[in-house]
Amino acid sequence: MFKEAAAKGIEKVDLTRRSIEDSIISSLKGVNPAIRPAMANGIALNRYMKGLDADFICRLRESFLGVNRASLAEFADWLAFADAPFRICVMGSESTIRSCGISEIIEL
């Protein structure tokens, strides 16, 4: 049921170019946040402790920049037909998530 809800939910999302670009920008802020110079060492240490090297950060950035309508549709198809059990994290407003038929919601 969750797979179907997630796949159908993607179909309900605003997939205009502007909306996708806004989502990409928001995601990139998490990868490369605007920080004061005094915070740079702390972020570098945190990434080092987590094993996130510069190559990984670059690959992550490239994967975000490669998101488009076609890749989202491909992901929706994968969700609908994936055989193996899996879990995914969906973030958004509770009303939007519930409108997609997702009933098991865990608040963090």
PDB file of N, CA and C in Angstrom:
ATOM      1  N   MET A   1       0.815  -1.188   0.000  1.00  0.00           N
ATOM      2  CA  MET A   1       0.000   0.000   0.000  1.00  0.00           C
ATOM      3  C   MET A   1       0.866   1.263   0.000  1.00  0.00           C
ATOM      4  N   PHE A   2       1.940   1.256   0.789  1.00  0.00           N
ATOM      5  CA  PHE A   2       2.800   2.431   0.853  1.00  0.00           C
ATOM      6  C   PHE A   2       3.437   2.715  -0.502  1.00  0.00           C
ATOM      7  N   LYS A   3       3.870   1.629  -1.197  1.00  0.00           N
ATOM      8  CA  LYS A   3       4.498   1.832  -2.500  1.00  0.00           C
ATOM      9  C   LYS A   3       3.532   2.510  -3.460  1.00  0.00           C
ATOM     10  N   GLU A   4       2.277   2.035  -3.471  1.00  0.00           N
ATOM     11  CA  GLU A   4       1.296   2.629  -4.373  1.00  0.00           C
ATOM     12  C   GLU A   4       1.022   4.081  -4.003  1.00  0.00           C
ATOM     13  N   ALA A   5       0.897   4.345  -2.715  1.00  0.00           N
ATOM     14  CA  ALA A   5       0.630   5.715  -2.268  1.00  0.00           C
ATOM     15  C   ALA A   5       1.772   6.645  -2.644  1.00  0.00           C
ATOM     16  N   ALA A   6       3.003   6.195  -2.437  1.00  0.00           N
ATOM     17  CA  ALA A   6       4.158   7.037  -2.772  1.00  0.00           C
ATOM     18  C   ALA A   6       4.219   7.284  -4.271  1.00  0.00           C
ATOM     19  N   ALA A   7       3.971   6.239  -5.060  1.00  0.00           N
ATOM     20  CA  ALA A   7       4.009   6.396  -6.515  1.00  0.00           C
ATOM     21  C   ALA A   7       2.887   7.328  -6.987  1.00  0.00           C
ATOM     22  N   LYS A   8       1.678   7.165  -6.444  1.00  0.00           N
ATOM     23  CA  LYS A   8       0.568   8.034  -6.822  1.00  0.00           C
ATOM     24  C   LYS A   8       0.802   9.448  -6.319  1.00  0.00           C
ATOM     25  N   GLY A   9       1.456   9.555  -5.178  1.00  0.00           N
ATOM     26  CA  GLY A   9       1.736  10.876  -4.626  1.00  0.00           C
ATOM     27  C   GLY A   9       2.631  11.694  -5.528  1.00  0.00           C
ATOM     28  N   ILE A  10       3.602  11.072  -6.150  1.00  0.00           N
ATOM     29  CA  ILE A  10       4.497  11.788  -7.058  1.00  0.00           C
ATOM     30  C   ILE A  10       3.705  12.351  -8.225  1.00  0.00           C
ATOM     31  N   GLU A  11       2.680  11.612  -8.672  1.00  0.00           N
ATOM     32  CA  GLU A  11       1.857  12.093  -9.776  1.00  0.00           C
ATOM     33  C   GLU A  11       1.073  13.338  -9.389  1.00  0.00           C
ATOM     34  N   LYS A  12       0.789  13.513  -8.089  1.00  0.00           N
ATOM     35  CA  LYS A  12       0.018  14.659  -7.626  1.00  0.00           C
ATOM     36  C   LYS A  12       0.882  15.882  -7.347  1.00  0.00           C
ATOM     37  N   VAL A  13       2.181  15.712  -7.327  1.00  0.00           N
ATOM     38  CA  VAL A  13       3.098  16.801  -6.990  1.00  0.00           C
ATOM     39  C   VAL A  13       3.185  17.784  -8.150  1.00  0.00           C
ATOM     40  N   ASP A  14       3.355  19.043  -7.815  1.00  0.00           N
ATOM     41  CA  ASP A  14       3.549  20.088  -8.820  1.00  0.00           C
ATOM     42  C   ASP A  14       4.905  19.866  -9.481  1.00  0.00           C
ATOM     43  N   LEU A  15       4.882  19.430 -10.726  1.00  0.00           N
ATOM     44  CA  LEU A  15       6.134  19.124 -11.430  1.00  0.00           C
ATOM     45  C   LEU A  15       6.467  20.165 -12.485  1.00  0.00           C
ATOM     46  N   THR A  16       6.076  21.411 -12.216  1.00  0.00           N
ATOM     47  CA  THR A  16       6.474  22.467 -13.133  1.00  0.00           C
ATOM     48  C   THR A  16       7.986  22.671 -13.005  1.00  0.00           C
ATOM     49  N   ARG A  17       8.563  23.235 -14.012  1.00  0.00           N
ATOM     50  CA  ARG A  17      10.014  23.460 -14.000  1.00  0.00           C
ATOM     51  C   ARG A  17      10.410  24.301 -12.781  1.00  0.00           C
ATOM     52  N   ARG A  18       9.624  25.322 -12.494  1.00  0.00           N
ATOM     53  CA  ARG A  18       9.925  26.207 -11.358  1.00  0.00           C
ATOM     54  C   ARG A  18       9.895  25.435 -10.031  1.00  0.00           C
ATOM     55  N   SER A  19       8.896  24.578  -9.870  1.00  0.00           N
ATOM     56  CA  SER A  19       8.768  23.814  -8.636  1.00  0.00           C
ATOM     57  C   SER A  19       9.943  22.850  -8.456  1.00  0.00           C
ATOM     58  N   ILE A  20      10.335  22.194  -9.537  1.00  0.00           N
ATOM     59  CA  ILE A  20      11.467  21.264  -9.471  1.00  0.00           C
ATOM     60  C   ILE A  20      12.748  22.032  -9.148  1.00  0.00           C
ATOM     61  N   GLU A  21      12.941  23.186  -9.788  1.00  0.00           N
ATOM     62  CA  GLU A  21      14.136  23.987  -9.518  1.00  0.00           C
ATOM     63  C   GLU A  21      14.157  24.465  -8.054  1.00  0.00           C
ATOM     64  N   ASP A  22      13.008  24.883  -7.534  1.00  0.00           N
ATOM     65  CA  ASP A  22      12.938  25.306  -6.135  1.00  0.00           C
ATOM     66  C   ASP A  22      13.305  24.158  -5.198  1.00  0.00           C
ATOM     67  N   SER A  23      12.832  22.955  -5.518  1.00  0.00           N
ATOM     68  CA  SER A  23      13.155  21.785  -4.693  1.00  0.00           C
ATOM     69  C   SER A  23      14.643  21.463  -4.750  1.00  0.00           C
ATOM     70  N   ILE A  24      15.228  21.587  -5.931  1.00  0.00           N
ATOM     71  CA  ILE A  24      16.665  21.323  -6.080  1.00  0.00           C
ATOM     72  C   ILE A  24      17.465  22.334  -5.261  1.00  0.00           C
ATOM     73  N   ILE A  25      17.089  23.599  -5.353  1.00  0.00           N
ATOM     74  CA  ILE A  25      17.792  24.641  -4.597  1.00  0.00           C
ATOM     75  C   ILE A  25      17.687  24.371  -3.100  1.00  0.00           C
ATOM     76  N   SER A  26      16.502  24.003  -2.641  1.00  0.00           N
ATOM     77  CA  SER A  26      16.324  23.697  -1.215  1.00  0.00           C
ATOM     78  C   SER A  26      17.197  22.525  -0.798  1.00  0.00           C
ATOM     79  N   SER A  27      17.279  21.508  -1.649  1.00  0.00           N
ATOM     80  CA  SER A  27      18.099  20.337  -1.335  1.00  0.00           C
ATOM     81  C   SER A  27      19.575  20.698  -1.309  1.00  0.00           C
ATOM     82  N   LEU A  28      19.997  21.536  -2.233  1.00  0.00           N
ATOM     83  CA  LEU A  28      21.409  21.929  -2.276  1.00  0.00           C
ATOM     84  C   LEU A  28      21.815  22.755  -1.063  1.00  0.00           C
ATOM     85  N   LYS A  29      20.854  23.470  -0.481  1.00  0.00           N
ATOM     86  CA  LYS A  29      21.175  24.239   0.727  1.00  0.00           C
ATOM     87  C   LYS A  29      21.616  23.312   1.856  1.00  0.00           C
ATOM     88  N   GLY A  30      21.100  22.091   1.865  1.00  0.00           N
ATOM     89  CA  GLY A  30      21.514  21.137   2.883  1.00  0.00           C
ATOM     90  C   GLY A  30      22.906  20.591   2.635  1.00  0.00           C
ATOM     91  N   VAL A  31      23.301  20.529   1.367  1.00  0.00           N
ATOM     92  CA  VAL A  31      24.628  20.023   1.011  1.00  0.00           C
ATOM     93  C   VAL A  31      25.676  21.111   1.176  1.00  0.00           C
ATOM     94  N   ASN A  32      25.369  22.304   0.713  1.00  0.00           N
ATOM     95  CA  ASN A  32      26.289  23.434   0.787  1.00  0.00           C
ATOM     96  C   ASN A  32      25.610  24.599   1.483  1.00  0.00           C
ATOM     97  N   PRO A  33      25.456  24.533   2.794  1.00  0.00           N
ATOM     98  CA  PRO A  33      24.767  25.626   3.482  1.00  0.00           C
ATOM     99  C   PRO A  33      25.612  26.902   3.489  1.00  0.00           C
ATOM    100  N   ALA A  34      24.915  28.025   3.514  1.00  0.00           N
ATOM    101  CA  ALA A  34      25.616  29.301   3.670  1.00  0.00           C
ATOM    102  C   ALA A  34      26.068  29.387   5.124  1.00  0.00           C
ATOM    103  N   ILE A  35      27.363  29.514   5.316  1.00  0.00           N
ATOM    104  CA  ILE A  35      27.904  29.516   6.682  1.00  0.00           C
ATOM    105  C   ILE A  35      28.906  30.645   6.851  1.00  0.00           C
ATOM    106  N   ARG A  36      29.113  30.991   8.092  1.00  0.00           N
ATOM    107  CA  ARG A  36      30.169  31.956   8.417  1.00  0.00           C
ATOM    108  C   ARG A  36      31.505  31.217   8.358  1.00  0.00           C
ATOM    109  N   PRO A  37      32.583  31.912   8.041  1.00  0.00           N
ATOM    110  CA  PRO A  37      33.894  31.266   7.997  1.00  0.00           C
ATOM    111  C   PRO A  37      34.242  30.526   9.285  1.00  0.00           C
ATOM    112  N   ALA A  38      33.793  31.031  10.413  1.00  0.00           N
ATOM    113  CA  ALA A  38      34.112  30.397  11.691  1.00  0.00           C
ATOM    114  C   ALA A  38      33.458  29.020  11.830  1.00  0.00           C
ATOM    115  N   MET A  39      32.413  28.763  11.045  1.00  0.00           N
ATOM    116  CA  MET A  39      31.700  27.486  11.127  1.00  0.00           C
ATOM    117  C   MET A  39      32.280  26.433  10.175  1.00  0.00           C
ATOM    118  N   ALA A  40      33.124  26.848   9.239  1.00  0.00           N
ATOM    119  CA  ALA A  40      33.632  25.945   8.200  1.00  0.00           C
ATOM    120  C   ALA A  40      34.377  24.745   8.791  1.00  0.00           C
ATOM    121  N   ASN A  41      35.208  24.979   9.790  1.00  0.00           N
ATOM    122  CA  ASN A  41      35.965  23.871  10.385  1.00  0.00           C
ATOM    123  C   ASN A  41      35.041  22.858  11.044  1.00  0.00           C
ATOM    124  N   GLY A  42      34.000  23.337  11.704  1.00  0.00           N
ATOM    125  CA  GLY A  42      33.048  22.446  12.358  1.00  0.00           C
ATOM    126  C   GLY A  42      32.317  21.569  11.346  1.00  0.00           C
ATOM    127  N   ILE A  43      31.914  22.158  10.237  1.00  0.00           N
ATOM    128  CA  ILE A  43      31.234  21.375   9.192  1.00  0.00           C
ATOM    129  C   ILE A  43      32.203  20.383   8.564  1.00  0.00           C
ATOM    130  N   ALA A  44      33.433  20.815   8.320  1.00  0.00           N
ATOM    131  CA  ALA A  44      34.432  19.910   7.737  1.00  0.00           C
ATOM    132  C   ALA A  44      34.696  18.731   8.674  1.00  0.00           C
ATOM    133  N   LEU A  45      34.793  18.996   9.969  1.00  0.00           N
ATOM    134  CA  LEU A  45      35.017  17.926  10.940  1.00  0.00           C
ATOM    135  C   LEU A  45      33.817  16.980  10.992  1.00  0.00           C
ATOM    136  N   ASN A  46      32.621  17.539  10.983  1.00  0.00           N
ATOM    137  CA  ASN A  46      31.410  16.732  11.001  1.00  0.00           C
ATOM    138  C   ASN A  46      31.351  15.807   9.779  1.00  0.00           C
ATOM    139  N   ARG A  47      31.643  16.351   8.607  1.00  0.00           N
ATOM    140  CA  ARG A  47      31.649  15.531   7.384  1.00  0.00           C
ATOM    141  C   ARG A  47      32.730  14.454   7.456  1.00  0.00           C
ATOM    142  N   TYR A  48      33.887  14.804   7.967  1.00  0.00           N
ATOM    143  CA  TYR A  48      34.976  13.837   8.089  1.00  0.00           C
ATOM    144  C   TYR A  48      34.568  12.688   9.006  1.00  0.00           C
ATOM    145  N   MET A  49      33.962  13.020  10.140  1.00  0.00           N
ATOM    146  CA  MET A  49      33.553  11.992  11.103  1.00  0.00           C
ATOM    147  C   MET A  49      32.474  11.076  10.526  1.00  0.00           C
ATOM    148  N   LYS A  50      31.668  11.608   9.616  1.00  0.00           N
ATOM    149  CA  LYS A  50      30.618  10.812   8.978  1.00  0.00           C
ATOM    150  C   LYS A  50      31.118  10.080   7.730  1.00  0.00           C
ATOM    151  N   GLY A  51      32.374  10.336   7.357  1.00  0.00           N
ATOM    152  CA  GLY A  51      32.933   9.691   6.176  1.00  0.00           C
ATOM    153  C   GLY A  51      32.463  10.311   4.872  1.00  0.00           C
ATOM    154  N   LEU A  52      32.073  11.560   4.910  1.00  0.00           N
ATOM    155  CA  LEU A  52      31.588  12.260   3.713  1.00  0.00           C
ATOM    156  C   LEU A  52      32.724  13.078   3.113  1.00  0.00           C
ATOM    157  N   ASP A  53      33.437  12.485   2.169  1.00  0.00           N
ATOM    158  CA  ASP A  53      34.547  13.205   1.562  1.00  0.00           C
ATOM    159  C   ASP A  53      34.050  14.129   0.447  1.00  0.00           C
ATOM    160  N   ALA A  54      34.961  14.920  -0.104  1.00  0.00           N
ATOM    161  CA  ALA A  54      34.616  15.906  -1.127  1.00  0.00           C
ATOM    162  C   ALA A  54      34.030  15.245  -2.371  1.00  0.00           C
ATOM    163  N   ASP A  55      34.533  14.057  -2.741  1.00  0.00           N
ATOM    164  CA  ASP A  55      33.997  13.361  -3.909  1.00  0.00           C
ATOM    165  C   ASP A  55      32.536  12.981  -3.703  1.00  0.00           C
ATOM    166  N   PHE A  56      32.217  12.505  -2.500  1.00  0.00           N
ATOM    167  CA  PHE A  56      30.827  12.146  -2.206  1.00  0.00           C
ATOM    168  C   PHE A  56      29.931  13.378  -2.289  1.00  0.00           C
ATOM    169  N   ILE A  57      30.382  14.497  -1.719  1.00  0.00           N
ATOM    170  CA  ILE A  57      29.591  15.729  -1.738  1.00  0.00           C
ATOM    171  C   ILE A  57      29.363  16.170  -3.184  1.00  0.00           C
ATOM    172  N   CYS A  58      30.378  16.066  -4.031  1.00  0.00           N
ATOM    173  CA  CYS A  58      30.243  16.437  -5.448  1.00  0.00           C
ATOM    174  C   CYS A  58      29.244  15.523  -6.159  1.00  0.00           C
ATOM    175  N   ARG A  59      29.319  14.213  -5.885  1.00  0.00           N
ATOM    176  CA  ARG A  59      28.370  13.272  -6.509  1.00  0.00           C
ATOM    177  C   ARG A  59      26.949  13.553  -6.042  1.00  0.00           C
ATOM    178  N   LEU A  60      26.798  13.879  -4.779  1.00  0.00           N
ATOM    179  CA  LEU A  60      25.481  14.201  -4.245  1.00  0.00           C
ATOM    180  C   LEU A  60      24.918  15.451  -4.919  1.00  0.00           C
ATOM    181  N   ARG A  61      25.745  16.467  -5.038  1.00  0.00           N
ATOM    182  CA  ARG A  61      25.337  17.708  -5.700  1.00  0.00           C
ATOM    183  C   ARG A  61      24.934  17.440  -7.145  1.00  0.00           C
ATOM    184  N   GLU A  62      25.739  16.638  -7.855  1.00  0.00           N
ATOM    185  CA  GLU A  62      25.425  16.309  -9.243  1.00  0.00           C
ATOM    186  C   GLU A  62      24.118  15.542  -9.361  1.00  0.00           C
ATOM    187  N   SER A  63      23.856  14.646  -8.410  1.00  0.00           N
ATOM    188  CA  SER A  63      22.604  13.883  -8.480  1.00  0.00           C
ATOM    189  C   SER A  63      21.406  14.801  -8.254  1.00  0.00           C
ATOM    190  N   PHE A  64      21.532  15.782  -7.353  1.00  0.00           N
ATOM    191  CA  PHE A  64      20.440  16.744  -7.161  1.00  0.00           C
ATOM    192  C   PHE A  64      20.212  17.562  -8.428  1.00  0.00           C
ATOM    193  N   LEU A  65      21.305  18.009  -9.032  1.00  0.00           N
ATOM    194  CA  LEU A  65      21.186  18.844 -10.229  1.00  0.00           C
ATOM    195  C   LEU A  65      20.635  18.068 -11.426  1.00  0.00           C
ATOM    196  N   GLY A  66      20.706  16.739 -11.375  1.00  0.00           N
ATOM    197  CA  GLY A  66      20.199  15.917 -12.473  1.00  0.00           C
ATOM    198  C   GLY A  66      18.726  15.570 -12.369  1.00  0.00           C
ATOM    199  N   VAL A  67      18.060  16.013 -11.312  1.00  0.00           N
ATOM    200  CA  VAL A  67      16.632  15.696 -11.142  1.00  0.00           C
ATOM    201  C   VAL A  67      15.804  16.491 -12.147  1.00  0.00           C
ATOM    202  N   ASN A  68      14.876  15.793 -12.793  1.00  0.00           N
ATOM    203  CA  ASN A  68      13.946  16.433 -13.719  1.00  0.00           C
ATOM    204  C   ASN A  68      12.633  15.646 -13.733  1.00  0.00           C
ATOM    205  N   ARG A  69      11.687  16.069 -14.537  1.00  0.00           N
ATOM    206  CA  ARG A  69      10.383  15.381 -14.586  1.00  0.00           C
ATOM    207  C   ARG A  69      10.544  13.910 -14.945  1.00  0.00           C
ATOM    208  N   ALA A  70      11.413  13.623 -15.899  1.00  0.00           N
ATOM    209  CA  ALA A  70      11.596  12.233 -16.339  1.00  0.00           C
ATOM    210  C   ALA A  70      12.170  11.373 -15.223  1.00  0.00           C
ATOM    211  N   SER A  71      13.142  11.898 -14.474  1.00  0.00           N
ATOM    212  CA  SER A  71      13.730  11.094 -13.403  1.00  0.00           C
ATOM    213  C   SER A  71      12.736  10.893 -12.261  1.00  0.00           C
ATOM    214  N   LEU A  72      11.876  11.872 -11.996  1.00  0.00           N
ATOM    215  CA  LEU A  72      10.841  11.690 -10.981  1.00  0.00           C
ATOM    216  C   LEU A  72       9.809  10.657 -11.419  1.00  0.00           C
ATOM    217  N   ALA A  73       9.453  10.663 -12.698  1.00  0.00           N
ATOM    218  CA  ALA A  73       8.513   9.665 -13.220  1.00  0.00           C
ATOM    219  C   ALA A  73       9.126   8.274 -13.158  1.00  0.00           C
ATOM    220  N   GLU A  74      10.419   8.175 -13.453  1.00  0.00           N
ATOM    221  CA  GLU A  74      11.115   6.887 -13.370  1.00  0.00           C
ATOM    222  C   GLU A  74      11.131   6.377 -11.926  1.00  0.00           C
ATOM    223  N   PHE A  75      11.348   7.286 -10.978  1.00  0.00           N
ATOM    224  CA  PHE A  75      11.333   6.905  -9.573  1.00  0.00           C
ATOM    225  C   PHE A  75       9.937   6.425  -9.160  1.00  0.00           C
ATOM    226  N   ALA A  76       8.893   7.105  -9.637  1.00  0.00           N
ATOM    227  CA  ALA A  76       7.518   6.689  -9.322  1.00  0.00           C
ATOM    228  C   ALA A  76       7.250   5.291  -9.868  1.00  0.00           C
ATOM    229  N   ASP A  77       7.721   5.015 -11.091  1.00  0.00           N
ATOM    230  CA  ASP A  77       7.556   3.674 -11.669  1.00  0.00           C
ATOM    231  C   ASP A  77       8.298   2.639 -10.840  1.00  0.00           C
ATOM    232  N   TRP A  78       9.519   2.971 -10.419  1.00  0.00           N
ATOM    233  CA  TRP A  78      10.292   2.038  -9.599  1.00  0.00           C
ATOM    234  C   TRP A  78       9.553   1.730  -8.305  1.00  0.00           C
ATOM    235  N   LEU A  79       9.000   2.768  -7.679  1.00  0.00           N
ATOM    236  CA  LEU A  79       8.266   2.554  -6.431  1.00  0.00           C
ATOM    237  C   LEU A  79       7.067   1.635  -6.641  1.00  0.00           C
ATOM    238  N   ALA A  80       6.384   1.822  -7.746  1.00  0.00           N
ATOM    239  CA  ALA A  80       5.177   1.034  -7.999  1.00  0.00           C
ATOM    240  C   ALA A  80       5.492  -0.433  -8.258  1.00  0.00           C
ATOM    241  N   PHE A  81       6.671  -0.726  -8.811  1.00  0.00           N
ATOM    242  CA  PHE A  81       6.977  -2.098  -9.214  1.00  0.00           C
ATOM    243  C   PHE A  81       8.126  -2.748  -8.457  1.00  0.00           C
ATOM    244  N   ALA A  82       8.664  -2.074  -7.451  1.00  0.00           N
ATOM    245  CA  ALA A  82       9.773  -2.654  -6.685  1.00  0.00           C
ATOM    246  C   ALA A  82       9.287  -3.896  -5.938  1.00  0.00           C
ATOM    247  N   ASP A  83      10.037  -4.974  -6.058  1.00  0.00           N
ATOM    248  CA  ASP A  83       9.661  -6.234  -5.415  1.00  0.00           C
ATOM    249  C   ASP A  83      10.172  -6.328  -3.983  1.00  0.00           C
ATOM    250  N   ALA A  84      11.344  -5.808  -3.733  1.00  0.00           N
ATOM    251  CA  ALA A  84      11.962  -5.942  -2.415  1.00  0.00           C
ATOM    252  C   ALA A  84      11.311  -4.983  -1.427  1.00  0.00           C
ATOM    253  N   PRO A  85      11.198  -5.390  -0.174  1.00  0.00           N
ATOM    254  CA  PRO A  85      10.670  -4.457   0.822  1.00  0.00           C
ATOM    255  C   PRO A  85      11.653  -3.299   1.024  1.00  0.00           C
ATOM    256  N   PHE A  86      11.138  -2.139   1.202  1.00  0.00           N
ATOM    257  CA  PHE A  86      11.998  -0.979   1.391  1.00  0.00           C
ATOM    258  C   PHE A  86      11.256   0.065   2.211  1.00  0.00           C
ATOM    259  N   ARG A  87      12.001   1.022   2.688  1.00  0.00           N
ATOM    260  CA  ARG A  87      11.433   2.165   3.396  1.00  0.00           C
ATOM    261  C   ARG A  87      11.955   3.421   2.735  1.00  0.00           C
ATOM    262  N   ILE A  88      11.110   4.421   2.674  1.00  0.00           N
ATOM    263  CA  ILE A  88      11.576   5.698   2.172  1.00  0.00           C
ATOM    264  C   ILE A  88      11.069   6.788   3.104  1.00  0.00           C
ATOM    265  N   CYS A  89      11.734   7.914   3.075  1.00  0.00           N
ATOM    266  CA  CYS A  89      11.357   9.050   3.911  1.00  0.00           C
ATOM    267  C   CYS A  89      10.704  10.094   3.010  1.00  0.00           C
ATOM    268  N   VAL A  90       9.499  10.483   3.369  1.00  0.00           N
ATOM    269  CA  VAL A  90       8.784  11.520   2.638  1.00  0.00           C
ATOM    270  C   VAL A  90       8.589  12.682   3.599  1.00  0.00           C
ATOM    271  N   MET A  91       9.024  13.864   3.194  1.00  0.00           N
ATOM    272  CA  MET A  91       8.858  15.030   4.052  1.00  0.00           C
ATOM    273  C   MET A  91       7.912  16.004   3.382  1.00  0.00           C
ATOM    274  N   GLY A  92       7.009  16.535   4.156  1.00  0.00           N
ATOM    275  CA  GLY A  92       6.055  17.497   3.630  1.00  0.00           C
ATOM    276  C   GLY A  92       4.974  17.752   4.647  1.00  0.00           C
ATOM    277  N   SER A  93       3.967  18.491   4.224  1.00  0.00           N
ATOM    278  CA  SER A  93       2.878  18.780   5.147  1.00  0.00           C
ATOM    279  C   SER A  93       2.057  17.524   5.379  1.00  0.00           C
ATOM    280  N   GLU A  94       1.552  17.388   6.586  1.00  0.00           N
ATOM    281  CA  GLU A  94       0.783  16.194   6.948  1.00  0.00           C
ATOM    282  C   GLU A  94      -0.437  16.034   6.052  1.00  0.00           C
ATOM    283  N   SER A  95      -1.116  17.143   5.733  1.00  0.00           N
ATOM    284  CA  SER A  95      -2.321  17.043   4.904  1.00  0.00           C
ATOM    285  C   SER A  95      -1.991  16.534   3.499  1.00  0.00           C
ATOM    286  N   THR A  96      -0.884  16.973   2.934  1.00  0.00           N
ATOM    287  CA  THR A  96      -0.489  16.511   1.607  1.00  0.00           C
ATOM    288  C   THR A  96      -0.117  15.036   1.640  1.00  0.00           C
ATOM    289  N   ILE A  97       0.627  14.627   2.658  1.00  0.00           N
ATOM    290  CA  ILE A  97       1.033  13.227   2.769  1.00  0.00           C
ATOM    291  C   ILE A  97      -0.200  12.339   2.950  1.00  0.00           C
ATOM    292  N   ARG A  98      -1.116  12.744   3.798  1.00  0.00           N
ATOM    293  CA  ARG A  98      -2.342  11.948   4.007  1.00  0.00           C
ATOM    294  C   ARG A  98      -3.186  11.888   2.738  1.00  0.00           C
ATOM    295  N   SER A  99      -3.198  12.954   1.936  1.00  0.00           N
ATOM    296  CA  SER A  99      -3.989  12.956   0.705  1.00  0.00           C
ATOM    297  C   SER A  99      -3.460  11.952  -0.312  1.00  0.00           C
ATOM    298  N   CYS A 100      -2.218  11.512  -0.131  1.00  0.00           N
ATOM    299  CA  CYS A 100      -1.622  10.502  -1.015  1.00  0.00           C
ATOM    300  C   CYS A 100      -1.937   9.081  -0.548  1.00  0.00           C
ATOM    301  N   GLY A 101      -2.667   8.966   0.540  1.00  0.00           N
ATOM    302  CA  GLY A 101      -3.043   7.647   1.039  1.00  0.00           C
ATOM    303  C   GLY A 101      -2.018   7.027   1.964  1.00  0.00           C
ATOM    304  N   ILE A 102      -1.061   7.800   2.444  1.00  0.00           N
ATOM    305  CA  ILE A 102      -0.055   7.282   3.361  1.00  0.00           C
ATOM    306  C   ILE A 102      -0.610   7.433   4.766  1.00  0.00           C
ATOM    307  N   SER A 103      -0.800   6.317   5.438  1.00  0.00           N
ATOM    308  CA  SER A 103      -1.438   6.372   6.753  1.00  0.00           C
ATOM    309  C   SER A 103      -0.438   6.269   7.898  1.00  0.00           C
ATOM    310  N   GLU A 104       0.703   5.635   7.663  1.00  0.00           N
ATOM    311  CA  GLU A 104       1.689   5.478   8.726  1.00  0.00           C
ATOM    312  C   GLU A 104       2.671   6.626   8.679  1.00  0.00           C
ATOM    313  N   ILE A 105       2.493   7.569   9.576  1.00  0.00           N
ATOM    314  CA  ILE A 105       3.330   8.763   9.609  1.00  0.00           C
ATOM    315  C   ILE A 105       4.074   8.806  10.935  1.00  0.00           C
ATOM    316  N   ILE A 106       5.381   8.984  10.852  1.00  0.00           N
ATOM    317  CA  ILE A 106       6.205   9.087  12.044  1.00  0.00           C
ATOM    318  C   ILE A 106       6.768  10.505  12.072  1.00  0.00           C
ATOM    319  N   GLU A 107       6.448  11.244  13.099  1.00  0.00           N
ATOM    320  CA  GLU A 107       6.963  12.594  13.226  1.00  0.00           C
ATOM    321  C   GLU A 107       8.302  12.560  13.947  1.00  0.00           C
ATOM    322  N   LEU A 108       9.253  13.307  13.424  1.00  0.00           N
ATOM    323  CA  LEU A 108      10.584  13.381  14.033  1.00  0.00           C
ATOM    324  C   LEU A 108      10.739  14.653  14.813  1.00  0.00           C
TER     325      LEU A 108
END
